[in-house]
Protein backbone atom coordinates (compact mmCIF):
# COMPACT_ATOMS: atom_id res chain seq x y z
CA MET A 1 15.47 93.54 -1.30
CA SER A 2 17.42 90.50 -1.23
CA LYS A 3 19.35 89.73 -4.56
CA PRO A 4 19.10 86.06 -6.34
CA PRO A 5 22.34 84.07 -6.13
CA PRO A 6 24.82 84.01 -8.87
CA ALA A 7 24.10 81.77 -11.43
CA HIS A 8 27.08 79.72 -10.93
CA GLN A 9 26.03 79.15 -7.13
CA THR A 10 22.69 77.30 -8.29
CA GLN A 11 22.62 73.34 -7.99
CA ARG A 12 20.56 71.05 -9.45
CA PRO A 13 20.06 67.50 -8.62
CA ARG A 14 21.74 65.17 -10.90
CA PRO A 15 20.08 61.94 -12.68
CA PRO A 16 21.29 58.48 -11.45
CA PRO A 17 23.50 56.89 -13.19
CA SER A 18 21.63 55.04 -15.99
CA GLY A 19 23.46 51.75 -15.05
CA ARG A 20 22.06 51.76 -11.50
CA THR A 21 18.43 51.96 -12.86
CA ASN A 22 18.87 49.38 -15.28
CA LEU A 23 20.29 47.24 -12.70
CA ALA A 24 17.17 47.55 -10.22
CA SER A 25 14.70 46.72 -13.23
CA CYS A 26 16.51 43.43 -13.89
CA ILE A 27 16.56 42.85 -10.34
CA VAL A 28 12.48 43.52 -9.95
CA ALA A 29 12.06 41.31 -12.92
CA THR A 30 13.97 38.59 -12.00
CA ILE A 31 12.02 38.27 -8.53
CA PHE A 32 8.88 38.58 -10.45
CA LEU A 33 9.70 35.54 -12.69
CA ILE A 34 10.96 33.59 -9.70
CA PHE A 35 7.74 34.13 -8.01
CA VAL A 36 5.60 33.05 -10.90
CA VAL A 37 7.71 30.35 -11.35
CA ILE A 38 6.98 29.02 -8.12
CA VAL A 39 3.28 29.70 -8.31
CA SER A 40 3.37 27.86 -11.30
CA LEU A 41 5.05 24.73 -9.94
CA ILE A 42 2.81 24.78 -6.78
CA VAL A 43 -0.48 24.44 -9.05
CA TYR A 44 1.16 21.92 -11.23
CA PHE A 45 2.03 19.59 -8.66
CA THR A 46 -1.25 20.36 -6.47
CA VAL A 47 -3.88 20.68 -9.36
CA PHE A 48 -2.74 19.54 -12.84
CA LYS A 49 -0.11 16.66 -11.88
CA PRO A 50 -0.62 13.63 -14.40
CA LYS A 51 -1.91 10.59 -12.42
CA ASP A 52 -2.58 7.10 -13.84
CA PRO A 53 -6.12 5.95 -14.51
CA LYS A 54 -7.26 3.62 -12.50
CA ILE A 55 -9.01 0.08 -13.47
CA SER A 56 -11.39 -1.52 -11.41
CA VAL A 57 -13.09 -5.28 -12.39
CA SER A 58 -16.85 -5.04 -11.46
CA ALA A 59 -17.54 -8.61 -12.54
CA VAL A 60 -16.27 -11.47 -14.22
CA GLN A 61 -18.40 -14.29 -16.14
CA LEU A 62 -18.32 -17.24 -17.88
CA PRO A 63 -21.47 -17.46 -20.39
CA SER A 64 -20.71 -20.55 -21.95
CA PHE A 65 -18.17 -23.78 -20.33
CA SER A 66 -17.38 -27.26 -21.31
CA ILE A 67 -14.69 -29.66 -20.49
CA LEU A 68 -14.15 -32.84 -22.30
CA ASN A 69 -11.08 -35.13 -22.16
CA SER A 70 -9.12 -32.83 -19.95
CA THR A 71 -9.55 -30.22 -22.57
CA VAL A 72 -11.69 -26.82 -21.88
CA ASN A 73 -13.60 -24.40 -23.77
CA PHE A 74 -15.42 -21.27 -22.93
CA THR A 75 -16.42 -17.96 -23.44
CA PHE A 76 -15.22 -15.21 -21.02
CA SER A 77 -16.49 -11.93 -20.03
CA GLN A 78 -15.19 -9.24 -17.82
CA PHE A 79 -16.73 -5.93 -16.80
CA VAL A 80 -14.05 -3.12 -15.96
CA SER A 81 -14.42 0.85 -15.52
CA VAL A 82 -11.54 3.18 -16.16
CA ARG A 83 -11.60 6.38 -14.48
CA ASN A 84 -9.46 9.07 -15.53
CA PRO A 85 -8.36 11.26 -12.36
CA ASN A 86 -6.50 14.17 -14.59
CA ARG A 87 -7.92 17.52 -15.54
CA ALA A 88 -7.09 16.80 -19.10
CA ALA A 89 -8.56 14.23 -21.38
CA PHE A 90 -6.48 10.79 -21.33
CA VAL A 91 -6.04 9.41 -24.72
CA HIS A 92 -5.32 5.42 -24.65
CA TYR A 93 -3.37 3.53 -27.79
CA ASP A 94 -4.45 0.08 -28.90
CA SER A 95 -4.62 -2.36 -26.22
CA THR A 96 -5.40 -5.92 -25.38
CA LEU A 97 -7.21 -8.10 -22.85
CA GLN A 98 -5.24 -11.27 -22.28
CA LEU A 99 -6.22 -14.29 -20.51
CA LEU A 100 -3.66 -16.85 -19.41
CA TYR A 101 -3.65 -20.26 -17.73
CA SER A 102 -0.08 -21.74 -16.15
CA GLY A 103 1.51 -18.51 -17.51
CA ASN A 104 0.56 -19.02 -20.97
CA GLN A 105 -1.67 -17.19 -23.25
CA VAL A 106 -5.25 -18.90 -24.06
CA GLY A 107 -7.24 -16.01 -25.10
CA PHE A 108 -7.34 -12.22 -25.78
CA MET A 109 -9.41 -9.46 -27.23
CA PHE A 110 -8.28 -6.07 -29.09
CA ILE A 111 -9.35 -2.94 -27.53
CA PRO A 112 -9.04 -0.16 -29.96
CA ALA A 113 -7.81 3.44 -29.02
CA GLY A 114 -9.80 5.93 -27.78
CA LYS A 115 -10.14 8.92 -25.22
CA ILE A 116 -11.40 9.36 -21.71
CA GLU A 117 -12.55 12.97 -20.89
CA ALA A 118 -11.04 15.16 -17.75
CA GLY A 119 -12.44 13.47 -14.68
CA GLN A 120 -14.94 11.34 -16.13
CA THR A 121 -15.03 7.39 -16.05
CA GLN A 122 -15.56 4.84 -19.07
CA TYR A 123 -17.27 1.39 -18.60
CA MET A 124 -16.38 -1.60 -20.83
CA ALA A 125 -17.51 -5.00 -21.26
CA ALA A 126 -15.21 -7.42 -23.61
CA THR A 127 -16.80 -10.73 -24.19
CA PHE A 128 -14.66 -13.36 -26.26
CA ALA A 129 -14.66 -16.79 -26.98
CA VAL A 130 -11.59 -18.98 -25.62
CA GLN A 131 -10.23 -21.76 -28.09
CA SER A 132 -9.78 -25.18 -26.31
CA PHE A 133 -6.72 -26.00 -24.53
CA PRO A 134 -5.56 -28.84 -22.20
CA VAL A 135 -6.01 -28.79 -18.42
CA SER A 136 -2.34 -29.27 -17.18
CA ASP A 137 -3.52 -31.18 -13.82
CA PRO A 138 -5.23 -33.91 -14.39
CA ASN A 139 -6.81 -33.83 -11.03
CA ILE A 140 -9.37 -31.23 -11.99
CA ALA A 141 -10.08 -32.34 -15.40
CA ALA A 142 -13.50 -34.66 -14.50
CA PRO A 143 -14.92 -37.10 -17.15
CA GLY A 144 -17.74 -36.13 -19.35
CA SER A 145 -18.87 -32.66 -20.89
CA VAL A 146 -20.47 -30.09 -19.05
CA GLN A 147 -22.33 -27.03 -21.04
CA GLY A 148 -24.56 -24.27 -20.51
CA LEU A 149 -25.09 -21.12 -19.50
CA MET A 150 -24.05 -19.78 -16.39
CA GLY A 151 -27.13 -18.77 -13.83
CA SER A 152 -26.09 -17.02 -11.47
CA PRO A 153 -22.15 -16.82 -10.65
CA GLN A 154 -20.99 -15.60 -7.52
CA PHE A 155 -18.62 -12.68 -7.64
CA GLY A 156 -16.12 -11.28 -4.50
CA ASN A 157 -13.21 -9.76 -4.49
CA GLY A 158 -11.09 -12.18 -3.25
CA LEU A 159 -11.15 -16.08 -2.55
CA SER A 160 -8.87 -17.66 0.03
CA GLY A 161 -7.66 -21.13 -1.34
CA PHE A 162 -8.88 -20.98 -4.96
CA ARG A 163 -8.45 -24.64 -5.51
CA GLY A 164 -10.75 -27.10 -3.93
CA GLY A 165 -12.70 -23.89 -2.71
CA GLY A 166 -16.44 -22.96 -2.88
CA GLY A 167 -18.63 -25.97 -3.60
CA GLY A 168 -15.65 -28.53 -2.52
CA GLY A 169 -15.27 -30.04 -6.08
CA PRO A 170 -12.45 -29.42 -8.43
CA THR A 171 -11.44 -26.23 -9.61
CA MET A 172 -9.07 -24.03 -11.95
CA GLU A 173 -7.80 -21.02 -12.08
CA ILE A 174 -7.30 -18.50 -15.06
CA GLU A 175 -5.60 -15.06 -15.20
CA SER A 176 -6.66 -12.03 -17.02
CA LYS A 177 -4.24 -8.79 -17.70
CA LEU A 178 -5.77 -5.66 -19.06
CA GLN A 179 -3.08 -2.77 -19.76
CA MET A 180 -3.78 0.59 -20.88
CA ALA A 181 -0.92 2.90 -22.30
CA GLY A 182 -1.73 6.35 -23.27
CA ARG A 183 -0.83 10.14 -22.43
CA VAL A 184 -2.36 13.02 -20.89
CA ARG A 185 -1.72 16.69 -22.09
CA VAL A 186 -1.74 19.13 -19.56
CA MET A 187 -2.73 22.84 -19.85
CA HIS A 188 -2.43 21.81 -23.61
CA VAL A 189 1.12 22.37 -23.24
CA PHE A 190 2.78 19.54 -21.57
CA THR A 191 2.34 15.97 -22.69
CA HIS A 192 3.10 13.20 -20.28
CA HIS A 193 3.05 9.43 -20.52
CA ALA A 194 -0.07 7.64 -18.54
CA GLU A 195 -0.30 3.64 -18.23
CA ALA A 196 -3.58 1.94 -16.56
CA ARG A 197 -3.23 -1.77 -15.49
CA SER A 198 -5.12 -4.75 -14.23
CA GLY A 199 -4.20 -8.33 -13.15
CA CYS A 200 -7.31 -10.58 -11.82
CA ARG A 201 -6.57 -14.06 -10.81
CA VAL A 202 -10.29 -16.19 -11.21
CA ALA A 203 -11.27 -19.31 -9.55
CA ILE A 204 -13.58 -21.53 -11.89
CA ALA A 205 -15.53 -24.64 -10.73
CA VAL A 206 -14.59 -27.41 -13.00
CA SER A 207 -18.12 -28.84 -12.41
CA ASP A 208 -20.23 -26.39 -14.09
CA GLY A 209 -17.85 -23.38 -15.11
CA SER A 210 -19.31 -20.95 -12.73
CA VAL A 211 -16.89 -18.60 -10.94
CA LEU A 212 -16.38 -19.00 -7.66
CA GLY A 213 -14.52 -15.52 -7.07
CA PHE A 214 -11.68 -13.41 -8.33
CA HIS A 215 -8.80 -11.39 -6.84
CA CYS A 216 -7.72 -8.09 -8.59
């Protein structure tokens, strides 16, 4: 019958040093955090990356128009759609729609602050009266006065040769500018500045105020 080995000959496994265990845990945790950060960045730049809203002008009209002694007076109407491509709401501040002639502002309309939900399109219609202003080019100022409502103005995405285009008579050109600035809050944490702009050149027949075309 064999005898058990002496007590002093029995060897027990030694526990690994605590320093090595902590180092291994830190390395695993660091690798996991790096992985989470990489995945978050990929999702952010592919799905949640903030984008500027898009403004599209669908129609421009002059419901009333008159010209007398080289001075014009009319009512301006513009119909636009603003699309928010983000996965978060676009909150815009107070904005204005400006109307320019020869680089000078001849009219504007105040647009109150608002919100466009994620992935939605908001339609806007702006109509305002433009105060009388002199026409800079005397060649396009026809004698007499022309007033009335525009029956069926022709719209388009562009017009080659604004001056003298359309029906062959004198024309004038105005410019509309719409700018909407705001913010987009991604994942309810990160806030980013977003801005939408639109500028359109509009050709108008001086004889009756019909819109010959516009280019945005």
